[in-house]
Amino acid sequence: MARGRYPVIDGLRVLGSVLRARVFGARFPLTTVWNVTFRCNCQCDYCATGTVPGGELGTDEALQLLDDLARLGTRWLTFSGGDPLVRADIGSLIRRALEKRVHVRISTNGILVPEKIDDLRGVDAVSLSLDGPEDVHDRVRGTGTFRSVLAAIEACTAAGIPMNLKCTLNGHNLAATDELLAMAAGWGLGVMFQPATSWLNFGTEANPVAPDVEQYRRTIQRLIDGKHNGAPILNSLAGLRYLAHWPDPAKIPCLAGVLLW
C-alpha cells in the first residue's frame, strides 16, 4: 500500500514517533540517511565517494534492511550515495519504503532523473545537487552536468514530484551563492547549503578545493542575512550559525540522529 492514501493516519503515526523520541527519550532511527551505493556518475572535485572500497547490499538484503528500519520506527528515509539512481533496483527500494509508509527523499546529481522518473513517483522530494551557475557547476562536477540538473527539474515538474536544491560550499563557488539563490527563486525551489569535507580518503589527504575558512564564514554570514531577507534558503538560522563553526571539531560535536541541519 503506497504511503499517502490515508494522510491523517500517516500524520498520526509520524506524530506518535516524534513524541516517542522527543518526549519519552526513546532511541530508535526516526530519521535515516542511507548511502545505498558509493558508485557515482560524477567526479566532483571535492568528493572521494567513488574511491571508497567495498561493495553494497544486494536487492534482497536491501529490501530486508528497509523492512527492519520500518519495524524499528524509521519515518523519514533519504536514499543517498554516491548517486542512488545508479542502482538498477532503486525503484524496488523506493516502492518497498513507500509500502511501509516511510517518507522518502532522494539525493541525486540529477543525471539519471529523466530516465528514472517513473521510479521516483510517490517520493516526498528529490534533492538535486547544484553548486552554482553553469560555469561554476560544470567546473566542479563536469561538463554538461548543469544541463542535466535543468533536465531533472523539467522532468520532476512535469511529473509533479517536489524538489529542492542542495549546494556544497567549496573553493569554487563561495562567490556564486547569490546567483544560485536567484536562479532557485526563479524556479520556485529552496536551497540547502552544506560545506565540503576538509579531508579525503578517510582523513589522509587534505581536500584541495575545501573552502578557505574566512571566506566560507563570510559566505555563511551572507546566507544568514539572506535568510532574514526572505531568500529561499532551507537551512534554519540556527543551522546556519552552526555551520559557521566549520571546520572546528570542538564546536561541532557529532550529533548524528540528534540535530538536523
C-alpha atoms as a PDB file:
ATOM      1  CA  MET A   1       0.000   0.000   0.000  1.00  0.00           C
ATOM      2  CA  ALA A   2       1.501   3.310  -1.049  1.00  0.00           C
ATOM      3  CA  ARG A   3       2.051   5.928   1.614  1.00  0.00           C
ATOM      4  CA  GLY A   4      -0.241   8.919   1.345  1.00  0.00           C
ATOM      5  CA  ARG A   5      -3.520   7.079   0.792  1.00  0.00           C
ATOM      6  CA  TYR A   6      -4.560   7.823   4.375  1.00  0.00           C
ATOM      7  CA  PRO A   7      -2.860  11.144   5.216  1.00  0.00           C
ATOM      8  CA  VAL A   8      -4.480  11.527   8.656  1.00  0.00           C
ATOM      9  CA  ILE A   9      -3.298   8.083   9.747  1.00  0.00           C
ATOM     10  CA  ASP A  10       0.157   8.790   8.316  1.00  0.00           C
ATOM     11  CA  GLY A  11       0.289  12.059  10.230  1.00  0.00           C
ATOM     12  CA  LEU A  12      -0.689  10.398  13.494  1.00  0.00           C
ATOM     13  CA  ARG A  13       1.969   7.722  13.001  1.00  0.00           C
ATOM     14  CA  VAL A  14       4.636  10.373  12.467  1.00  0.00           C
ATOM     15  CA  LEU A  15       3.420  12.435  15.430  1.00  0.00           C
ATOM     16  CA  GLY A  16       3.494   9.365  17.656  1.00  0.00           C
ATOM     17  CA  SER A  17       7.050   8.589  16.598  1.00  0.00           C
ATOM     18  CA  VAL A  18       8.220  12.162  17.222  1.00  0.00           C
ATOM     19  CA  LEU A  19       6.638  12.187  20.687  1.00  0.00           C
ATOM     20  CA  ARG A  20       8.189   8.830  21.444  1.00  0.00           C
ATOM     21  CA  ALA A  21      11.634  10.192  20.550  1.00  0.00           C
ATOM     22  CA  ARG A  22      11.441  13.757  21.869  1.00  0.00           C
ATOM     23  CA  VAL A  23       9.200  13.457  24.909  1.00  0.00           C
ATOM     24  CA  PHE A  24       9.919   9.973  26.171  1.00  0.00           C
ATOM     25  CA  GLY A  25      13.555   9.823  25.055  1.00  0.00           C
ATOM     26  CA  ALA A  26      13.220   6.587  23.102  1.00  0.00           C
ATOM     27  CA  ARG A  27      16.253   5.818  20.957  1.00  0.00           C
ATOM     28  CA  PHE A  28      15.443   4.493  17.505  1.00  0.00           C
ATOM     29  CA  PRO A  29      16.192   5.512  13.883  1.00  0.00           C
ATOM     30  CA  LEU A  30      13.374   8.041  13.418  1.00  0.00           C
ATOM     31  CA  THR A  31      15.273   9.619  10.512  1.00  0.00           C
ATOM     32  CA  THR A  32      17.704   7.619   8.388  1.00  0.00           C
ATOM     33  CA  VAL A  33      20.101   8.671   5.637  1.00  0.00           C
ATOM     34  CA  TRP A  34      21.219   5.579   3.734  1.00  0.00           C
ATOM     35  CA  ASN A  35      24.099   5.597   1.268  1.00  0.00           C
ATOM     36  CA  VAL A  36      22.778   2.732  -0.841  1.00  0.00           C
ATOM     37  CA  THR A  37      25.860   2.856  -3.076  1.00  0.00           C
ATOM     38  CA  PHE A  38      29.227   4.568  -3.301  1.00  0.00           C
ATOM     39  CA  ARG A  39      29.092   4.462  -7.104  1.00  0.00           C
ATOM     40  CA  CYS A  40      28.554   7.778  -8.859  1.00  0.00           C
ATOM     41  CA  ASN A  41      28.392   9.047 -12.428  1.00  0.00           C
ATOM     42  CA  CYS A  42      30.018  12.360 -11.446  1.00  0.00           C
ATOM     43  CA  GLN A  43      33.623  13.024 -10.488  1.00  0.00           C
ATOM     44  CA  CYS A  44      33.247  16.094  -8.290  1.00  0.00           C
ATOM     45  CA  ASP A  45      36.446  17.869  -7.282  1.00  0.00           C
ATOM     46  CA  TYR A  46      35.613  17.848  -3.581  1.00  0.00           C
ATOM     47  CA  CYS A  47      34.296  14.299  -3.242  1.00  0.00           C
ATOM     48  CA  ALA A  48      36.078  10.958  -2.869  1.00  0.00           C
ATOM     49  CA  THR A  49      32.973   8.805  -2.528  1.00  0.00           C
ATOM     50  CA  GLY A  50      33.798   6.863  -5.675  1.00  0.00           C
ATOM     51  CA  THR A  51      37.111   5.747  -4.168  1.00  0.00           C
ATOM     52  CA  VAL A  52      35.521   4.103  -1.106  1.00  0.00           C
ATOM     53  CA  PRO A  53      36.359   0.384  -1.202  1.00  0.00           C
ATOM     54  CA  GLY A  54      33.855  -2.379  -0.677  1.00  0.00           C
ATOM     55  CA  GLY A  55      30.571  -3.490  -2.172  1.00  0.00           C
ATOM     56  CA  GLU A  56      26.950  -2.689  -1.484  1.00  0.00           C
ATOM     57  CA  LEU A  57      23.924  -4.626  -0.324  1.00  0.00           C
ATOM     58  CA  GLY A  58      22.172  -6.752  -2.906  1.00  0.00           C
ATOM     59  CA  THR A  59      18.492  -6.249  -3.614  1.00  0.00           C
ATOM     60  CA  ASP A  60      17.222  -8.884  -1.185  1.00  0.00           C
ATOM     61  CA  GLU A  61      19.494  -7.606   1.595  1.00  0.00           C
ATOM     62  CA  ALA A  62      18.459  -4.007   0.933  1.00  0.00           C
ATOM     63  CA  LEU A  63      14.758  -4.885   0.993  1.00  0.00           C
ATOM     64  CA  GLN A  64      15.246  -6.721   4.277  1.00  0.00           C
ATOM     65  CA  LEU A  65      17.011  -3.690   5.737  1.00  0.00           C
ATOM     66  CA  LEU A  66      14.096  -1.494   4.668  1.00  0.00           C
ATOM     67  CA  ASP A  67      11.707  -3.839   6.455  1.00  0.00           C
ATOM     68  CA  ASP A  68      13.908  -3.684   9.551  1.00  0.00           C
ATOM     69  CA  LEU A  69      14.109   0.121   9.503  1.00  0.00           C
ATOM     70  CA  ALA A  70      10.331   0.416   9.226  1.00  0.00           C
ATOM     71  CA  ARG A  71       9.872  -2.073  12.060  1.00  0.00           C
ATOM     72  CA  LEU A  72      12.321  -0.135  14.245  1.00  0.00           C
ATOM     73  CA  GLY A  73      10.411   3.103  13.679  1.00  0.00           C
ATOM     74  CA  THR A  74      12.022   4.982  10.780  1.00  0.00           C
ATOM     75  CA  ARG A  75       9.550   7.538   9.431  1.00  0.00           C
ATOM     76  CA  TRP A  76      11.855   9.600   7.173  1.00  0.00           C
ATOM     77  CA  LEU A  77      14.383   7.965   4.857  1.00  0.00           C
ATOM     78  CA  THR A  78      16.803   9.608   2.445  1.00  0.00           C
ATOM     79  CA  PHE A  79      18.396   7.458  -0.232  1.00  0.00           C
ATOM     80  CA  SER A  80      21.842   8.903  -0.908  1.00  0.00           C
ATOM     81  CA  GLY A  81      25.255   7.774  -2.140  1.00  0.00           C
ATOM     82  CA  GLY A  82      27.248   8.021  -4.362  1.00  0.00           C
ATOM     83  CA  ASP A  83      24.235   8.533  -6.512  1.00  0.00           C
ATOM     84  CA  PRO A  84      21.373   6.215  -5.568  1.00  0.00           C
ATOM     85  CA  LEU A  85      19.886   6.296  -9.059  1.00  0.00           C
ATOM     86  CA  VAL A  86      22.813   4.296 -10.468  1.00  0.00           C
ATOM     87  CA  ARG A  87      21.340   1.259  -8.698  1.00  0.00           C
ATOM     88  CA  ALA A  88      19.235  -0.739 -11.139  1.00  0.00           C
ATOM     89  CA  ASP A  89      16.908  -1.722  -8.290  1.00  0.00           C
ATOM     90  CA  ILE A  90      16.335   1.748  -6.831  1.00  0.00           C
ATOM     91  CA  GLY A  91      12.703   1.651  -7.944  1.00  0.00           C
ATOM     92  CA  SER A  92      12.134  -1.541  -5.961  1.00  0.00           C
ATOM     93  CA  LEU A  93      13.728   0.016  -2.882  1.00  0.00           C
ATOM     94  CA  ILE A  94      11.604   3.149  -3.155  1.00  0.00           C
ATOM     95  CA  ARG A  95       8.421   1.139  -3.592  1.00  0.00           C
ATOM     96  CA  ARG A  96       9.176  -1.042  -0.573  1.00  0.00           C
ATOM     97  CA  ALA A  97       9.788   2.016   1.604  1.00  0.00           C
ATOM     98  CA  LEU A  98       6.533   3.606   0.433  1.00  0.00           C
ATOM     99  CA  GLU A  99       4.658   0.366   1.083  1.00  0.00           C
ATOM    100  CA  LYS A 100       5.981   0.562   4.653  1.00  0.00           C
ATOM    101  CA  ARG A 101       4.569   4.109   4.865  1.00  0.00           C
ATOM    102  CA  VAL A 102       8.002   5.672   5.212  1.00  0.00           C
ATOM    103  CA  HIS A 103       8.521   9.211   3.876  1.00  0.00           C
ATOM    104  CA  VAL A 104      11.190   9.028   1.157  1.00  0.00           C
ATOM    105  CA  ARG A 105      13.613  11.599  -0.226  1.00  0.00           C
ATOM    106  CA  ILE A 106      16.219  11.046  -2.945  1.00  0.00           C
ATOM    107  CA  SER A 107      19.559  12.885  -3.003  1.00  0.00           C
ATOM    108  CA  THR A 108      20.957  12.868  -6.548  1.00  0.00           C
ATOM    109  CA  ASN A 109      23.081  14.787  -9.027  1.00  0.00           C
ATOM    110  CA  GLY A 110      20.123  14.672 -11.417  1.00  0.00           C
ATOM    111  CA  ILE A 111      21.771  12.959 -14.382  1.00  0.00           C
ATOM    112  CA  LEU A 112      19.520   9.889 -14.284  1.00  0.00           C
ATOM    113  CA  VAL A 113      16.340  11.594 -13.091  1.00  0.00           C
ATOM    114  CA  PRO A 114      14.606  11.765 -16.516  1.00  0.00           C
ATOM    115  CA  GLU A 115      15.417   8.096 -17.131  1.00  0.00           C
ATOM    116  CA  LYS A 116      14.221   7.009 -13.677  1.00  0.00           C
ATOM    117  CA  ILE A 117      11.276   9.394 -13.339  1.00  0.00           C
ATOM    118  CA  ASP A 118       8.695   6.609 -13.026  1.00  0.00           C
ATOM    119  CA  ASP A 119      10.668   5.117 -10.125  1.00  0.00           C
ATOM    120  CA  LEU A 120      10.527   8.470  -8.334  1.00  0.00           C
ATOM    121  CA  ARG A 121       6.758   8.873  -8.301  1.00  0.00           C
ATOM    122  CA  GLY A 122       5.455   8.966  -4.746  1.00  0.00           C
ATOM    123  CA  VAL A 123       8.610  10.243  -3.046  1.00  0.00           C
ATOM    124  CA  ASP A 124       8.341  13.283  -0.808  1.00  0.00           C
ATOM    125  CA  ALA A 125      11.085  15.152  -2.649  1.00  0.00           C
ATOM    126  CA  VAL A 126      14.057  14.863  -4.959  1.00  0.00           C
ATOM    127  CA  SER A 127      17.073  16.808  -3.701  1.00  0.00           C
ATOM    128  CA  LEU A 128      19.169  17.927  -6.689  1.00  0.00           C
ATOM    129  CA  SER A 129      22.810  18.898  -6.284  1.00  0.00           C
ATOM    130  CA  LEU A 130      23.512  22.317  -7.774  1.00  0.00           C
ATOM    131  CA  ASP A 131      26.656  24.225  -6.869  1.00  0.00           C
ATOM    132  CA  GLY A 132      26.152  27.434  -8.826  1.00  0.00           C
ATOM    133  CA  PRO A 133      25.552  28.803 -12.325  1.00  0.00           C
ATOM    134  CA  GLU A 134      26.579  26.717 -15.325  1.00  0.00           C
ATOM    135  CA  ASP A 135      30.260  27.668 -15.467  1.00  0.00           C
ATOM    136  CA  VAL A 136      30.762  27.054 -11.741  1.00  0.00           C
ATOM    137  CA  HIS A 137      28.706  23.866 -11.530  1.00  0.00           C
ATOM    138  CA  ASP A 138      30.342  22.287 -14.586  1.00  0.00           C
ATOM    139  CA  ARG A 139      33.803  23.209 -13.334  1.00  0.00           C
ATOM    140  CA  VAL A 140      33.129  21.274 -10.130  1.00  0.00           C
ATOM    141  CA  ARG A 141      31.105  18.340 -11.460  1.00  0.00           C
ATOM    142  CA  GLY A 142      31.938  18.017 -15.155  1.00  0.00           C
ATOM    143  CA  THR A 143      30.872  19.476 -18.489  1.00  0.00           C
ATOM    144  CA  GLY A 144      27.165  19.151 -19.144  1.00  0.00           C
ATOM    145  CA  THR A 145      26.126  18.426 -15.566  1.00  0.00           C
ATOM    146  CA  PHE A 146      24.367  21.780 -15.151  1.00  0.00           C
ATOM    147  CA  ARG A 147      22.167  20.981 -18.150  1.00  0.00           C
ATOM    148  CA  SER A 148      21.432  17.621 -16.545  1.00  0.00           C
ATOM    149  CA  VAL A 149      20.070  19.410 -13.484  1.00  0.00           C
ATOM    150  CA  LEU A 150      17.847  21.554 -15.707  1.00  0.00           C
ATOM    151  CA  ALA A 151      16.547  18.399 -17.404  1.00  0.00           C
ATOM    152  CA  ALA A 152      15.893  16.851 -13.985  1.00  0.00           C
ATOM    153  CA  ILE A 153      13.950  19.930 -12.858  1.00  0.00           C
ATOM    154  CA  GLU A 154      11.872  19.790 -16.032  1.00  0.00           C
ATOM    155  CA  ALA A 155      11.172  16.058 -15.601  1.00  0.00           C
ATOM    156  CA  CYS A 156      10.180  16.377 -11.942  1.00  0.00           C
ATOM    157  CA  THR A 157       7.986  19.388 -12.670  1.00  0.00           C
ATOM    158  CA  ALA A 158       6.158  17.508 -15.424  1.00  0.00           C
ATOM    159  CA  ALA A 159       5.674  14.505 -13.123  1.00  0.00           C
ATOM    160  CA  GLY A 160       4.530  16.614 -10.165  1.00  0.00           C
ATOM    161  CA  ILE A 161       7.414  15.476  -7.968  1.00  0.00           C
ATOM    162  CA  PRO A 162       8.525  18.029  -5.321  1.00  0.00           C
ATOM    163  CA  MET A 163      12.143  19.167  -5.421  1.00  0.00           C
ATOM    164  CA  ASN A 164      14.763  21.173  -3.613  1.00  0.00           C
ATOM    165  CA  LEU A 165      18.363  22.058  -4.400  1.00  0.00           C
ATOM    166  CA  LYS A 166      21.444  21.179  -2.386  1.00  0.00           C
ATOM    167  CA  CYS A 167      24.646  23.215  -2.674  1.00  0.00           C
ATOM    168  CA  THR A 168      28.024  22.054  -1.401  1.00  0.00           C
ATOM    169  CA  LEU A 169      30.134  25.085  -0.495  1.00  0.00           C
ATOM    170  CA  ASN A 170      33.670  24.681  -1.818  1.00  0.00           C
ATOM    171  CA  GLY A 171      36.615  26.670  -3.049  1.00  0.00           C
ATOM    172  CA  HIS A 172      34.993  27.310  -6.439  1.00  0.00           C
ATOM    173  CA  ASN A 173      31.549  28.626  -5.564  1.00  0.00           C
ATOM    174  CA  LEU A 174      31.622  30.844  -2.464  1.00  0.00           C
ATOM    175  CA  ALA A 175      31.102  33.947  -4.597  1.00  0.00           C
ATOM    176  CA  ALA A 176      28.238  32.367  -6.546  1.00  0.00           C
ATOM    177  CA  THR A 177      25.663  31.808  -3.800  1.00  0.00           C
ATOM    178  CA  ASP A 178      23.656  34.944  -4.603  1.00  0.00           C
ATOM    179  CA  GLU A 179      23.351  33.927  -8.259  1.00  0.00           C
ATOM    180  CA  LEU A 180      22.379  30.397  -7.247  1.00  0.00           C
ATOM    181  CA  LEU A 181      19.670  31.702  -4.924  1.00  0.00           C
ATOM    182  CA  ALA A 182      18.335  33.987  -7.653  1.00  0.00           C
ATOM    183  CA  MET A 183      18.042  31.012 -10.025  1.00  0.00           C
ATOM    184  CA  ALA A 184      16.372  28.923  -7.328  1.00  0.00           C
ATOM    185  CA  ALA A 185      13.857  31.671  -6.597  1.00  0.00           C
ATOM    186  CA  GLY A 186      13.004  31.841 -10.288  1.00  0.00           C
ATOM    187  CA  TRP A 187      12.278  28.105 -10.284  1.00  0.00           C
ATOM    188  CA  GLY A 188      10.355  28.288  -7.021  1.00  0.00           C
ATOM    189  CA  LEU A 189      12.842  25.985  -5.273  1.00  0.00           C
ATOM    190  CA  GLY A 190      14.612  26.169  -1.923  1.00  0.00           C
ATOM    191  CA  VAL A 191      18.333  25.554  -1.402  1.00  0.00           C
ATOM    192  CA  MET A 192      20.037  23.605   1.372  1.00  0.00           C
ATOM    193  CA  PHE A 193      23.695  24.523   1.947  1.00  0.00           C
ATOM    194  CA  GLN A 194      26.436  22.290   3.343  1.00  0.00           C
ATOM    195  CA  PRO A 195      30.250  22.584   3.467  1.00  0.00           C
ATOM    196  CA  ALA A 196      32.590  20.350   1.509  1.00  0.00           C
ATOM    197  CA  THR A 197      34.601  17.961   3.625  1.00  0.00           C
ATOM    198  CA  SER A 198      38.068  19.140   4.652  1.00  0.00           C
ATOM    199  CA  TRP A 199      39.666  15.752   4.078  1.00  0.00           C
ATOM    200  CA  LEU A 200      39.524  12.951   1.525  1.00  0.00           C
ATOM    201  CA  ASN A 201      40.462   9.282   1.549  1.00  0.00           C
ATOM    202  CA  PHE A 202      39.473   8.599   5.152  1.00  0.00           C
ATOM    203  CA  GLY A 203      41.179  11.695   6.515  1.00  0.00           C
ATOM    204  CA  THR A 204      44.575  11.015   4.962  1.00  0.00           C
ATOM    205  CA  GLU A 205      44.540  13.704   2.264  1.00  0.00           C
ATOM    206  CA  ALA A 206      43.578  17.366   2.513  1.00  0.00           C
ATOM    207  CA  ASN A 207      40.747  18.327   0.181  1.00  0.00           C
ATOM    208  CA  PRO A 208      42.326  20.697  -2.390  1.00  0.00           C
ATOM    209  CA  VAL A 209      39.046  22.516  -3.035  1.00  0.00           C
ATOM    210  CA  ALA A 210      37.829  22.809   0.550  1.00  0.00           C
ATOM    211  CA  PRO A 211      36.749  26.427   1.057  1.00  0.00           C
ATOM    212  CA  ASP A 212      39.014  28.992   2.667  1.00  0.00           C
ATOM    213  CA  VAL A 213      37.777  29.222   6.240  1.00  0.00           C
ATOM    214  CA  GLU A 214      37.465  33.008   6.442  1.00  0.00           C
ATOM    215  CA  GLN A 215      35.797  33.308   3.036  1.00  0.00           C
ATOM    216  CA  TYR A 216      33.496  30.450   3.970  1.00  0.00           C
ATOM    217  CA  ARG A 217      32.416  32.140   7.201  1.00  0.00           C
ATOM    218  CA  ARG A 218      31.745  35.395   5.366  1.00  0.00           C
ATOM    219  CA  THR A 219      29.612  33.419   2.929  1.00  0.00           C
ATOM    220  CA  ILE A 220      27.653  31.867   5.786  1.00  0.00           C
ATOM    221  CA  GLN A 221      27.038  35.348   7.196  1.00  0.00           C
ATOM    222  CA  ARG A 222      25.706  36.424   3.784  1.00  0.00           C
ATOM    223  CA  LEU A 223      23.390  33.426   3.842  1.00  0.00           C
ATOM    224  CA  ILE A 224      22.195  34.349   7.331  1.00  0.00           C
ATOM    225  CA  ASP A 225      21.475  37.875   6.097  1.00  0.00           C
ATOM    226  CA  GLY A 226      19.728  36.435   3.042  1.00  0.00           C
ATOM    227  CA  LYS A 227      17.617  34.163   5.214  1.00  0.00           C
ATOM    228  CA  HIS A 228      16.469  37.200   7.205  1.00  0.00           C
ATOM    229  CA  ASN A 229      15.571  38.909   3.922  1.00  0.00           C
ATOM    230  CA  GLY A 230      13.491  36.050   2.530  1.00  0.00           C
ATOM    231  CA  ALA A 231      15.985  34.244   0.291  1.00  0.00           C
ATOM    232  CA  PRO A 232      14.891  30.637  -0.477  1.00  0.00           C
ATOM    233  CA  ILE A 233      17.352  29.062   1.977  1.00  0.00           C
ATOM    234  CA  LEU A 234      16.152  25.832   3.578  1.00  0.00           C
ATOM    235  CA  ASN A 235      18.703  25.769   6.405  1.00  0.00           C
ATOM    236  CA  SER A 236      17.318  27.201   9.627  1.00  0.00           C
ATOM    237  CA  LEU A 237      19.035  30.242  11.134  1.00  0.00           C
ATOM    238  CA  ALA A 238      20.265  28.018  13.966  1.00  0.00           C
ATOM    239  CA  GLY A 239      21.592  25.566  11.401  1.00  0.00           C
ATOM    240  CA  LEU A 240      23.453  28.293   9.508  1.00  0.00           C
ATOM    241  CA  ARG A 241      25.028  29.583  12.721  1.00  0.00           C
ATOM    242  CA  TYR A 242      26.047  26.018  13.488  1.00  0.00           C
ATOM    243  CA  LEU A 243      27.665  25.673  10.054  1.00  0.00           C
ATOM    244  CA  ALA A 244      29.612  28.873  10.660  1.00  0.00           C
ATOM    245  CA  HIS A 245      31.847  26.976  13.102  1.00  0.00           C
ATOM    246  CA  TRP A 246      33.131  24.626  10.381  1.00  0.00           C
ATOM    247  CA  PRO A 247      35.746  23.107  10.389  1.00  0.00           C
ATOM    248  CA  ASP A 248      36.324  23.411  14.167  1.00  0.00           C
ATOM    249  CA  PRO A 249      35.550  19.956  15.622  1.00  0.00           C
ATOM    250  CA  ALA A 250      35.460  21.351  19.161  1.00  0.00           C
ATOM    251  CA  LYS A 251      32.429  23.444  18.236  1.00  0.00           C
ATOM    252  CA  ILE A 252      30.738  20.845  16.048  1.00  0.00           C
ATOM    253  CA  PRO A 253      30.375  17.635  18.076  1.00  0.00           C
ATOM    254  CA  CYS A 254      28.880  14.553  16.485  1.00  0.00           C
ATOM    255  CA  LEU A 255      25.133  14.921  16.923  1.00  0.00           C
ATOM    256  CA  ALA A 256      24.082  12.364  14.326  1.00  0.00           C
ATOM    257  CA  GLY A 257      20.482  11.461  14.965  1.00  0.00           C
ATOM    258  CA  VAL A 258      20.034  14.364  17.372  1.00  0.00           C
ATOM    259  CA  LEU A 259      20.471  17.610  15.433  1.00  0.00           C
ATOM    260  CA  LEU A 260      19.431  18.051  11.818  1.00  0.00           C
ATOM    261  CA  TRP A 261      20.575  20.937   9.655  1.00  0.00           C
END
